[in-house]
Amino acid sequence: MSSNNDLNHSLILTVLLLIAFATKSEESKQIPALYVFGDSLVDSGNNHYVPGEDPQNYFPYGIDFGTPTGRCTNGKTVADFLAIYLGLPFAPAYLGLSRSKRKRIVTTGINYASAGSGILPDTSNKTSVIMDEQIKGFERTIKEILPKGLNKEAVEKHVSESLFFVSSGVNDHFKNGTFRGSRKFASYLINEFKIRLLKLYSLGARKFFVNNVPPAGCFPSIILHSKPIGKCSEKMNKRISFYNKKLLILLHELQTQLPGFIFVHSDLNKSIMEISENPNKYGIMEASKPCCPRNINGNDLCANRNTYLFFDDHPTERVNQIYAKKCFIDHAICTPHINIRRFL
């Protein structure tokens, strides 16, 4: 009985999202494409094309997609739900672009995100694409791919009207497995992030959708080894908040200083914390253990993914759905209140 109720609740949420997104379709057409940068929270499969053994390339990752896609969860990411909201196809992974996909990027955009990457070059591991390289990939896109179908003025217009989704920073708080969050580090990291945003701006980007850093102190890999077991690390989450507070200040500063710069700040941290603290409110039965312990053969996969907050250390598709509702329908975690018309 519980399983059926969970399924019904999930279906109802999906229908609500589709109805809400459909009402935005006409105005959303004004956003021609979505360009995605960041880490595993939004990677759509770039690491599949990087040498190395990535578990997300195997079952049970992508189980609700029908096949592993390189996404670090069972189904859709927050970037996928943003694409749905905009009335766009999912942005394809840059490293996996086929000739046919290259011809369609004017109406899709591209996903450059890479699991394991960070804002800082020293954060990324050997199997990830650092943010600087992600941005270079976009630079190559506007110099080599887009001009094949658009003239210079059309490329500039396309880029200025497209939406740039950036979700990074959580991996930077760890180096060689050691947490390094502090006020001093937050100041350093926000300055480095500013440099990357300015680079995108110099390439023509004007419209930004930016995630803050999620509460890593609540990740299963942390709380299952903390004391008391099962409780979020308040110390870790507080240190992450140093960066998150500076992020919103930075975005406001850039909007004031840079002509045409406009943003939506997405409080991913708040969304996950609210579910972690009040799981039953959202139909979540397990908020500390992962649905899929780091086991690529899926032998330990949970019975009902819709009742779990985390798939591994990443949110389940169900939780990403909840995030989408909070942002796009409830206007509870995205500021200013997201309205596609403010991007026109």
Protein backbone atom coordinates (compact mmCIF):
# COMPACT_ATOMS: atom_id res chain seq x y z
CA MET A 1 0.00 0.00 0.00
CA SER A 2 2.79 2.43 0.90
CA SER A 3 4.55 1.75 -2.38
CA ASN A 4 1.38 2.53 -4.38
CA ASN A 5 0.82 5.76 -2.44
CA ASP A 6 4.41 6.80 -3.08
CA LEU A 7 3.99 6.08 -6.79
CA ASN A 8 0.74 8.04 -6.96
CA HIS A 9 2.30 10.97 -5.14
CA SER A 10 5.20 10.98 -7.58
CA LEU A 11 2.85 10.83 -10.58
CA ILE A 12 0.78 13.71 -9.21
CA LEU A 13 3.91 15.81 -8.76
CA THR A 14 5.03 15.00 -12.29
CA VAL A 15 1.63 16.01 -13.72
CA LEU A 16 1.67 19.27 -11.75
CA LEU A 17 5.12 20.07 -13.08
CA LEU A 18 4.15 19.29 -16.67
CA ILE A 19 1.02 21.45 -16.43
CA ALA A 20 2.97 24.33 -14.89
CA PHE A 21 5.75 24.01 -17.43
CA ALA A 22 3.27 23.87 -20.32
CA THR A 23 1.75 27.19 -19.26
CA LYS A 24 5.20 28.71 -19.67
CA SER A 25 5.85 27.27 -23.11
CA GLU A 26 5.01 30.38 -25.12
CA GLU A 27 7.13 32.77 -23.08
CA SER A 28 9.85 30.16 -22.64
CA LYS A 29 10.42 30.03 -26.39
CA GLN A 30 12.23 33.32 -25.96
CA ILE A 31 15.11 31.39 -24.35
CA PRO A 32 16.71 29.74 -27.40
CA ALA A 33 19.13 27.41 -25.62
CA LEU A 34 20.52 26.25 -22.29
CA TYR A 35 24.27 26.07 -21.63
CA VAL A 36 25.28 24.12 -18.51
CA PHE A 37 28.54 24.28 -16.52
CA GLY A 38 29.48 22.60 -13.29
CA ASP A 39 29.87 19.28 -11.54
CA SER A 40 28.08 15.96 -11.00
CA LEU A 41 24.82 17.60 -9.94
CA VAL A 42 24.28 18.64 -13.56
CA ASP A 43 26.65 16.47 -15.64
CA SER A 44 24.70 14.81 -18.46
CA GLY A 45 27.42 12.40 -19.54
CA ASN A 46 30.65 14.22 -20.35
CA ASN A 47 32.67 11.97 -18.06
CA HIS A 48 31.58 9.03 -20.18
CA TYR A 49 34.04 10.32 -22.77
CA VAL A 50 36.91 10.94 -20.35
CA PRO A 51 39.37 8.06 -19.78
CA GLY A 52 38.70 6.33 -16.48
CA GLU A 53 36.18 4.10 -14.72
CA ASP A 54 33.06 6.05 -13.74
CA PRO A 55 30.28 4.14 -11.93
CA GLN A 56 27.61 6.43 -13.39
CA ASN A 57 28.27 4.83 -16.77
CA TYR A 58 26.80 1.60 -15.44
CA PHE A 59 23.54 0.24 -14.04
CA PRO A 60 21.80 1.19 -11.76
CA TYR A 61 22.68 4.80 -12.64
CA GLY A 62 20.14 6.02 -15.17
CA ILE A 63 17.72 3.26 -14.23
CA ASP A 64 14.78 5.64 -14.62
CA PHE A 65 16.15 6.87 -17.93
CA GLY A 66 16.08 3.29 -19.15
CA THR A 67 19.86 3.25 -19.56
CA PRO A 68 22.94 4.74 -17.92
CA THR A 69 23.50 8.24 -19.34
CA GLY A 70 26.47 9.41 -17.30
CA ARG A 71 24.17 11.29 -14.92
CA CYS A 72 25.02 10.75 -11.26
CA THR A 73 21.53 9.72 -10.23
CA ASN A 74 18.70 7.39 -11.17
CA GLY A 75 17.03 9.79 -13.59
CA LYS A 76 16.77 13.49 -14.35
CA THR A 77 19.02 16.15 -12.85
CA VAL A 78 18.07 19.69 -11.86
CA ALA A 79 19.48 20.85 -15.23
CA ASP A 80 17.08 18.49 -17.00
CA PHE A 81 14.10 19.92 -15.12
CA LEU A 82 15.22 23.45 -15.99
CA ALA A 83 15.33 22.44 -19.67
CA ILE A 84 11.79 21.03 -19.39
CA TYR A 85 10.63 24.28 -17.78
CA LEU A 86 12.15 26.28 -20.63
CA GLY A 87 10.47 24.07 -23.21
CA LEU A 88 13.86 22.89 -24.46
CA PRO A 89 15.34 19.45 -25.16
CA PHE A 90 17.93 18.23 -22.67
CA ALA A 91 21.26 19.92 -23.40
CA PRO A 92 23.55 17.21 -24.85
CA ALA A 93 26.97 16.46 -23.37
CA TYR A 94 29.64 18.49 -25.15
CA LEU A 95 32.15 15.66 -25.38
CA GLY A 96 29.56 13.37 -26.93
CA LEU A 97 28.29 15.71 -29.64
CA SER A 98 27.59 13.95 -32.90
CA ARG A 99 27.43 15.80 -36.21
CA SER A 100 23.64 15.80 -36.09
CA LYS A 101 23.61 17.18 -32.54
CA ARG A 102 26.09 19.91 -33.53
CA LYS A 103 23.57 21.10 -36.10
CA ARG A 104 20.84 21.35 -33.45
CA ILE A 105 22.64 23.14 -30.62
CA VAL A 106 21.08 26.47 -31.61
CA THR A 107 17.80 25.04 -30.28
CA THR A 108 19.20 22.92 -27.45
CA GLY A 109 22.41 24.40 -26.05
CA ILE A 110 25.19 22.22 -24.65
CA ASN A 111 26.06 20.68 -21.31
CA TYR A 112 29.78 21.05 -20.46
CA ALA A 113 29.48 19.94 -16.81
CA SER A 114 31.74 17.21 -15.50
CA ALA A 115 31.40 15.07 -12.38
CA GLY A 116 34.25 15.61 -9.94
CA SER A 117 35.07 19.09 -11.20
CA GLY A 118 35.12 22.31 -9.27
CA ILE A 119 35.71 26.01 -9.67
CA LEU A 120 39.38 25.56 -8.82
CA PRO A 121 41.71 23.59 -11.11
CA ASP A 122 43.23 21.72 -8.16
CA THR A 123 39.81 20.35 -7.19
CA SER A 124 39.12 18.28 -10.27
CA ASN A 125 40.22 14.67 -10.46
CA LYS A 126 41.86 12.95 -13.43
CA THR A 127 38.55 11.81 -14.86
CA SER A 128 36.83 15.20 -14.84
CA VAL A 129 36.90 18.32 -16.98
CA ILE A 130 37.87 21.41 -14.97
CA MET A 131 35.65 24.48 -15.20
CA ASP A 132 38.27 26.44 -17.11
CA GLU A 133 38.22 23.72 -19.78
CA GLN A 134 34.42 23.72 -19.76
CA ILE A 135 34.48 27.44 -20.52
CA LYS A 136 37.10 26.88 -23.24
CA GLY A 137 34.70 24.33 -24.71
CA PHE A 138 32.01 27.00 -24.86
CA GLU A 139 34.49 29.42 -26.44
CA ARG A 140 35.21 26.83 -29.13
CA THR A 141 31.47 26.41 -29.58
CA ILE A 142 30.90 30.08 -30.39
CA LYS A 143 33.97 30.25 -32.61
CA GLU A 144 33.76 26.94 -34.46
CA ILE A 145 30.30 25.34 -34.16
CA LEU A 146 27.69 28.12 -34.02
CA PRO A 147 29.19 30.08 -36.96
CA LYS A 148 28.48 27.12 -39.26
CA GLY A 149 24.80 27.98 -39.11
CA LEU A 150 24.74 31.60 -37.98
CA ASN A 151 26.50 34.80 -38.96
CA LYS A 152 28.47 36.79 -36.38
CA GLU A 153 25.55 39.01 -35.36
CA ALA A 154 23.22 36.02 -35.04
CA VAL A 155 25.74 34.16 -32.86
CA GLU A 156 26.04 37.15 -30.53
CA LYS A 157 22.24 37.45 -30.32
CA HIS A 158 21.86 33.72 -29.67
CA VAL A 159 24.43 33.75 -26.86
CA SER A 160 23.01 36.88 -25.22
CA GLU A 161 19.50 35.42 -25.20
CA SER A 162 20.47 31.93 -24.02
CA LEU A 163 20.46 30.88 -20.37
CA PHE A 164 23.67 29.86 -18.61
CA PHE A 165 23.20 27.39 -15.74
CA VAL A 166 26.19 27.15 -13.41
CA SER A 167 26.27 24.67 -10.52
CA SER A 168 29.67 24.22 -8.88
CA GLY A 169 31.59 24.66 -5.66
CA VAL A 170 30.81 21.68 -3.47
CA ASN A 171 33.83 19.65 -4.62
CA ASP A 172 36.08 22.64 -4.02
CA HIS A 173 35.35 22.37 -0.31
CA PHE A 174 37.18 19.04 -0.29
CA LYS A 175 40.77 18.36 -1.33
CA ASN A 176 42.22 14.87 -1.19
CA GLY A 177 39.26 13.85 0.95
CA THR A 178 39.82 16.61 3.51
CA PHE A 179 37.22 19.31 4.10
CA ARG A 180 38.75 22.79 3.77
CA GLY A 181 35.80 25.12 4.20
CA SER A 182 36.42 28.33 6.17
CA ARG A 183 35.70 32.05 5.95
CA LYS A 184 39.09 32.63 4.34
CA PHE A 185 38.56 29.84 1.83
CA ALA A 186 35.07 31.13 1.00
CA SER A 187 36.51 34.55 0.13
CA TYR A 188 39.16 32.94 -2.07
CA LEU A 189 36.67 30.63 -3.79
CA ILE A 190 34.11 33.37 -4.49
CA ASN A 191 36.82 35.51 -6.11
CA GLU A 192 37.81 32.58 -8.31
CA PHE A 193 34.19 31.99 -9.25
CA LYS A 194 33.85 35.67 -10.13
CA ILE A 195 36.73 35.29 -12.60
CA ARG A 196 34.90 32.43 -14.35
CA LEU A 197 31.60 34.34 -14.51
CA LEU A 198 33.40 37.36 -15.94
CA LYS A 199 34.96 35.13 -18.58
CA LEU A 200 31.53 33.83 -19.62
CA TYR A 201 30.26 37.41 -19.66
CA SER A 202 33.16 38.45 -21.90
CA LEU A 203 32.11 35.69 -24.31
CA GLY A 204 28.62 37.16 -24.54
CA ALA A 205 26.69 35.40 -21.76
CA ARG A 206 24.19 37.69 -20.06
CA LYS A 207 21.54 35.52 -18.41
CA PHE A 208 22.64 33.31 -15.53
CA PHE A 209 20.91 30.69 -13.40
CA VAL A 210 23.23 29.85 -10.50
CA ASN A 211 22.96 27.10 -7.89
CA ASN A 212 24.54 27.60 -4.50
CA VAL A 213 26.46 24.79 -2.79
CA PRO A 214 24.37 21.96 -1.32
CA PRO A 215 24.74 20.90 2.34
CA ALA A 216 27.56 18.38 2.02
CA GLY A 217 27.33 17.82 5.76
CA CYS A 218 24.10 15.91 5.04
CA PHE A 219 25.53 13.67 2.32
CA PRO A 220 25.30 9.95 3.24
CA SER A 221 29.07 9.55 2.95
CA ILE A 222 29.40 12.15 5.70
CA ILE A 223 26.53 11.45 8.07
CA LEU A 224 27.00 7.69 8.11
CA HIS A 225 30.48 8.26 9.49
CA SER A 226 29.69 11.17 11.79
CA LYS A 227 28.90 11.22 15.48
CA PRO A 228 26.10 10.76 16.23
CA ILE A 229 25.56 8.59 13.16
CA GLY A 230 22.70 9.75 10.98
CA LYS A 231 22.99 13.43 11.87
CA CYS A 232 24.16 16.12 9.48
CA SER A 233 27.48 17.76 10.23
CA GLU A 234 26.38 21.21 11.37
CA LYS A 235 29.99 22.38 11.46
CA MET A 236 30.53 21.45 7.81
CA ASN A 237 27.24 22.97 6.68
CA LYS A 238 27.97 26.20 8.53
CA ARG A 239 31.32 26.55 6.80
CA ILE A 240 29.66 25.96 3.44
CA SER A 241 27.23 28.75 4.29
CA PHE A 242 30.16 31.20 4.32
CA TYR A 243 30.51 30.70 0.59
CA ASN A 244 26.78 30.64 -0.11
CA LYS A 245 26.24 34.02 1.56
CA LYS A 246 29.03 35.54 -0.52
CA LEU A 247 27.61 34.02 -3.71
CA LEU A 248 24.34 35.96 -3.54
CA ILE A 249 26.24 39.17 -2.76
CA LEU A 250 28.52 38.56 -5.76
CA LEU A 251 25.60 38.05 -8.14
CA HIS A 252 23.98 41.30 -7.02
CA GLU A 253 27.30 43.12 -7.43
CA LEU A 254 27.79 41.81 -10.96
CA GLN A 255 24.25 42.78 -11.93
CA THR A 256 24.98 46.31 -10.72
CA GLN A 257 28.38 46.55 -12.41
CA LEU A 258 27.89 44.73 -15.72
CA PRO A 259 25.48 46.03 -18.39
CA GLY A 260 22.90 43.39 -19.28
CA PHE A 261 23.98 40.91 -16.57
CA ILE A 262 20.90 39.32 -15.03
CA PHE A 263 20.56 36.30 -12.78
CA VAL A 264 18.39 33.89 -10.85
CA HIS A 265 19.93 32.53 -7.66
CA SER A 266 18.80 28.99 -6.85
CA ASP A 267 18.99 27.96 -3.20
CA LEU A 268 19.67 24.26 -3.73
CA ASN A 269 21.11 24.13 -0.21
CA LYS A 270 17.80 25.22 1.34
CA SER A 271 15.81 22.76 -0.77
CA ILE A 272 17.86 19.76 0.35
CA MET A 273 18.00 20.91 3.98
CA GLU A 274 14.22 21.30 4.16
CA ILE A 275 13.72 17.78 2.85
CA SER A 276 16.39 16.43 5.20
CA GLU A 277 14.76 18.05 8.23
CA ASN A 278 11.14 17.30 7.24
CA PRO A 279 11.31 14.22 5.01
CA ASN A 280 7.77 12.96 5.68
CA LYS A 281 6.34 16.26 4.41
CA TYR A 282 7.75 15.40 1.00
CA GLY A 283 7.03 11.69 0.99
CA ILE A 284 10.64 10.84 1.76
CA MET A 285 11.11 7.90 4.10
CA GLU A 286 14.92 7.72 4.13
CA ALA A 287 16.97 10.93 4.38
CA SER A 288 20.35 9.64 5.55
CA LYS A 289 21.09 6.35 3.80
CA PRO A 290 21.71 6.25 0.04
CA CYS A 291 19.37 4.33 -2.25
CA CYS A 292 22.43 3.07 -4.10
CA PRO A 293 25.56 2.54 -2.01
CA ARG A 294 28.64 2.90 -4.23
CA ASN A 295 27.99 -0.41 -5.93
CA ILE A 296 27.93 -0.41 -9.71
CA ASN A 297 26.23 -3.80 -10.06
CA GLY A 298 23.13 -2.57 -8.26
CA ASN A 299 22.88 -5.48 -5.82
CA ASP A 300 22.21 -3.12 -2.95
CA LEU A 301 19.73 -0.86 -4.76
CA CYS A 302 16.81 0.26 -2.59
CA ALA A 303 13.33 -1.04 -3.32
CA ASN A 304 11.65 2.36 -3.82
CA ARG A 305 13.78 5.20 -5.16
CA ASN A 306 10.94 7.69 -4.75
CA THR A 307 11.21 7.49 -0.97
CA TYR A 308 14.92 8.30 -0.76
CA LEU A 309 16.54 11.73 -0.51
CA PHE A 310 19.84 10.53 -1.95
CA PHE A 311 20.66 8.09 -4.70
CA ASP A 312 24.33 7.91 -3.66
CA ASP A 313 25.65 11.28 -2.50
CA HIS A 314 23.47 12.89 -5.15
CA PRO A 315 19.75 13.65 -4.93
CA THR A 316 17.34 11.17 -6.47
CA GLU A 317 15.23 12.21 -9.44
CA ARG A 318 12.28 12.52 -7.05
CA VAL A 319 14.17 15.09 -4.97
CA ASN A 320 15.18 16.95 -8.12
CA GLN A 321 11.48 17.01 -9.02
CA ILE A 322 10.69 18.54 -5.64
CA TYR A 323 13.43 21.11 -6.22
CA ALA A 324 11.85 22.02 -9.57
CA LYS A 325 8.44 22.53 -7.97
CA LYS A 326 9.93 24.66 -5.19
CA CYS A 327 11.75 26.84 -7.71
CA PHE A 328 9.44 27.09 -10.71
CA ILE A 329 5.98 26.73 -9.16
CA ASP A 330 6.23 27.71 -5.48
CA HIS A 331 8.93 30.37 -6.04
CA ALA A 332 10.33 29.32 -2.67
CA ILE A 333 14.04 28.81 -3.38
CA CYS A 334 14.81 30.87 -6.48
CA THR A 335 15.38 34.61 -6.18
CA PRO A 336 14.36 36.91 -7.62
CA HIS A 337 11.17 34.86 -8.09
CA ILE A 338 11.82 33.08 -11.35
CA ASN A 339 9.86 34.51 -14.23
CA ILE A 340 11.09 33.74 -17.70
CA ARG A 341 9.80 37.14 -18.83
CA ARG A 342 12.50 38.87 -16.80
CA PHE A 343 15.02 37.25 -19.13
CA LEU A 344 13.49 38.69 -22.30
